[in-house]
Amino acid sequence: RDIGVTGVQTCALPIWWCPAGTFLMGSPPAEWKRAVDEDQVEVTLSRGFWLLETEVTQLMWETIMGNDRPLHWSAEAGLGDQYPAYRVSGWDAQRFCEVLTTQLRQQRQFVRQL
């Protein structure tokens, strides 16, 4: 589902709910070009989570973080609303998620599903 986020501007965030559950991760033994370290294992997610369908775009970043465009974004590597937000540190990525979650809860668009 798309949710709208309003900040400096407005943008849609295509997100999907991933429910808790159990699934197989890895490659089946007969898969073509399978590496030896790709054994299938059973994985259980005890809680569901929301997953963004695409990478975070520069429009999404600026909408959530304000006009806080990283200085190292350049026209050479790509600038524009549809370009990905690149060279973002792990700390900045975590901060983005925290700010996004807060905004969505304030706008009552973010429903915690169990």
Protein backbone atom coordinates (compact mmCIF):
# COMPACT_ATOMS: atom_id res chain seq x y z
CA ARG A 1 0.00 0.00 0.00
CA ASP A 2 1.14 3.56 -0.57
CA ILE A 3 1.19 5.90 2.37
CA GLY A 4 1.65 9.62 2.02
CA VAL A 5 4.19 11.44 4.12
CA THR A 6 4.16 15.18 4.47
CA GLY A 7 7.25 17.12 5.46
CA VAL A 8 9.00 19.79 3.46
CA GLN A 9 7.06 18.31 0.55
CA THR A 10 4.79 15.30 0.11
CA CYS A 11 5.73 11.92 -1.26
CA ALA A 12 4.28 8.42 -1.39
CA LEU A 13 6.04 5.53 0.30
CA PRO A 14 5.21 2.14 -1.24
CA ILE A 15 5.33 -0.20 1.76
CA TRP A 16 4.37 -3.80 2.39
CA TRP A 17 3.45 -5.56 5.61
CA CYS A 18 5.55 -8.69 6.21
CA PRO A 19 3.74 -10.84 8.76
CA ALA A 20 5.35 -12.99 11.40
CA GLY A 21 5.81 -16.57 10.32
CA THR A 22 8.18 -19.32 9.26
CA PHE A 23 9.77 -19.77 5.83
CA LEU A 24 12.75 -21.41 4.11
CA MET A 25 15.66 -19.16 3.22
CA GLY A 26 18.50 -20.22 0.95
CA SER A 27 18.84 -22.28 -2.20
CA PRO A 28 17.39 -25.73 -2.78
CA PRO A 29 20.07 -28.38 -3.36
CA ALA A 30 19.21 -28.81 -7.05
CA GLU A 31 19.34 -25.11 -7.95
CA TRP A 32 21.58 -24.30 -10.90
CA LYS A 33 24.85 -22.50 -9.99
CA ARG A 34 24.15 -22.97 -6.28
CA ALA A 35 27.13 -22.21 -4.02
CA VAL A 36 28.13 -24.65 -1.30
CA ASP A 37 27.29 -22.15 1.45
CA GLU A 38 23.67 -21.63 0.36
CA ASP A 39 21.97 -24.33 2.40
CA GLN A 40 18.29 -23.88 3.05
CA VAL A 41 17.44 -23.07 6.63
CA GLU A 42 14.11 -22.55 8.33
CA VAL A 43 13.68 -18.99 9.59
CA THR A 44 11.00 -17.83 12.00
CA LEU A 45 10.05 -14.19 12.35
CA SER A 46 8.40 -13.68 15.72
CA ARG A 47 7.08 -10.20 14.79
CA GLY A 48 5.90 -8.69 11.55
CA PHE A 49 7.43 -5.56 10.05
CA TRP A 50 6.88 -2.95 7.36
CA LEU A 51 9.18 -3.08 4.33
CA LEU A 52 9.70 -0.27 1.83
CA GLU A 53 9.21 -1.60 -1.70
CA THR A 54 12.06 0.44 -3.19
CA GLU A 55 15.29 1.99 -2.08
CA VAL A 56 14.92 5.34 -0.31
CA THR A 57 14.88 8.05 -2.96
CA GLN A 58 16.28 11.53 -2.56
CA LEU A 59 12.70 12.86 -2.52
CA MET A 60 11.83 10.50 0.35
CA TRP A 61 15.00 11.49 2.22
CA GLU A 62 14.36 15.22 1.88
CA THR A 63 10.67 14.84 2.76
CA ILE A 64 11.44 12.94 5.97
CA MET A 65 14.68 14.66 6.99
CA GLY A 66 13.80 18.17 5.85
CA ASN A 67 16.20 19.99 3.57
CA ASP A 68 19.02 18.01 5.10
CA ARG A 69 20.55 16.86 1.80
CA PRO A 70 23.95 15.28 2.40
CA LEU A 71 26.70 17.48 1.03
CA HIS A 72 28.37 14.59 -0.81
CA TRP A 73 25.38 14.04 -3.13
CA SER A 74 26.47 15.41 -6.48
CA ALA A 75 25.25 15.81 -10.04
CA GLU A 76 28.06 13.48 -11.14
CA ALA A 77 26.62 10.58 -9.16
CA GLY A 78 23.00 11.63 -9.65
CA LEU A 79 20.74 14.28 -8.20
CA GLY A 80 16.98 14.31 -8.39
CA ASP A 81 13.80 13.15 -6.73
CA GLN A 82 13.88 9.66 -8.23
CA TYR A 83 17.57 8.97 -7.61
CA PRO A 84 18.43 6.79 -4.61
CA ALA A 85 19.72 8.37 -1.43
CA TYR A 86 23.32 7.18 -1.61
CA ARG A 87 26.38 7.16 0.62
CA VAL A 88 24.24 7.32 3.74
CA SER A 89 25.88 6.11 6.94
CA GLY A 90 24.32 3.46 9.14
CA TRP A 91 23.70 6.13 11.78
CA ASP A 92 21.93 8.36 9.25
CA ALA A 93 19.85 5.41 8.01
CA GLN A 94 18.78 4.62 11.56
CA ARG A 95 17.91 8.26 12.19
CA PHE A 96 15.85 8.30 8.96
CA CYS A 97 13.86 5.27 10.19
CA GLU A 98 13.29 6.86 13.59
CA VAL A 99 12.09 10.16 12.11
CA LEU A 100 9.88 8.35 9.57
CA THR A 101 8.29 6.17 12.25
CA THR A 102 7.59 9.20 14.44
CA GLN A 103 6.02 11.12 11.54
CA LEU A 104 3.85 8.21 10.47
CA ARG A 105 2.62 7.63 14.01
CA GLN A 106 1.82 11.34 14.37
CA GLN A 107 -0.11 11.23 11.09
CA ARG A 108 -1.80 8.02 12.31
CA GLN A 109 -0.78 6.20 9.14
CA PHE A 110 1.54 3.73 10.78
CA VAL A 111 -0.39 0.92 12.41
CA ARG A 112 1.57 -1.63 14.35
CA GLN A 113 0.33 -5.01 13.29
CA LEU A 114 1.06 -8.16 15.22
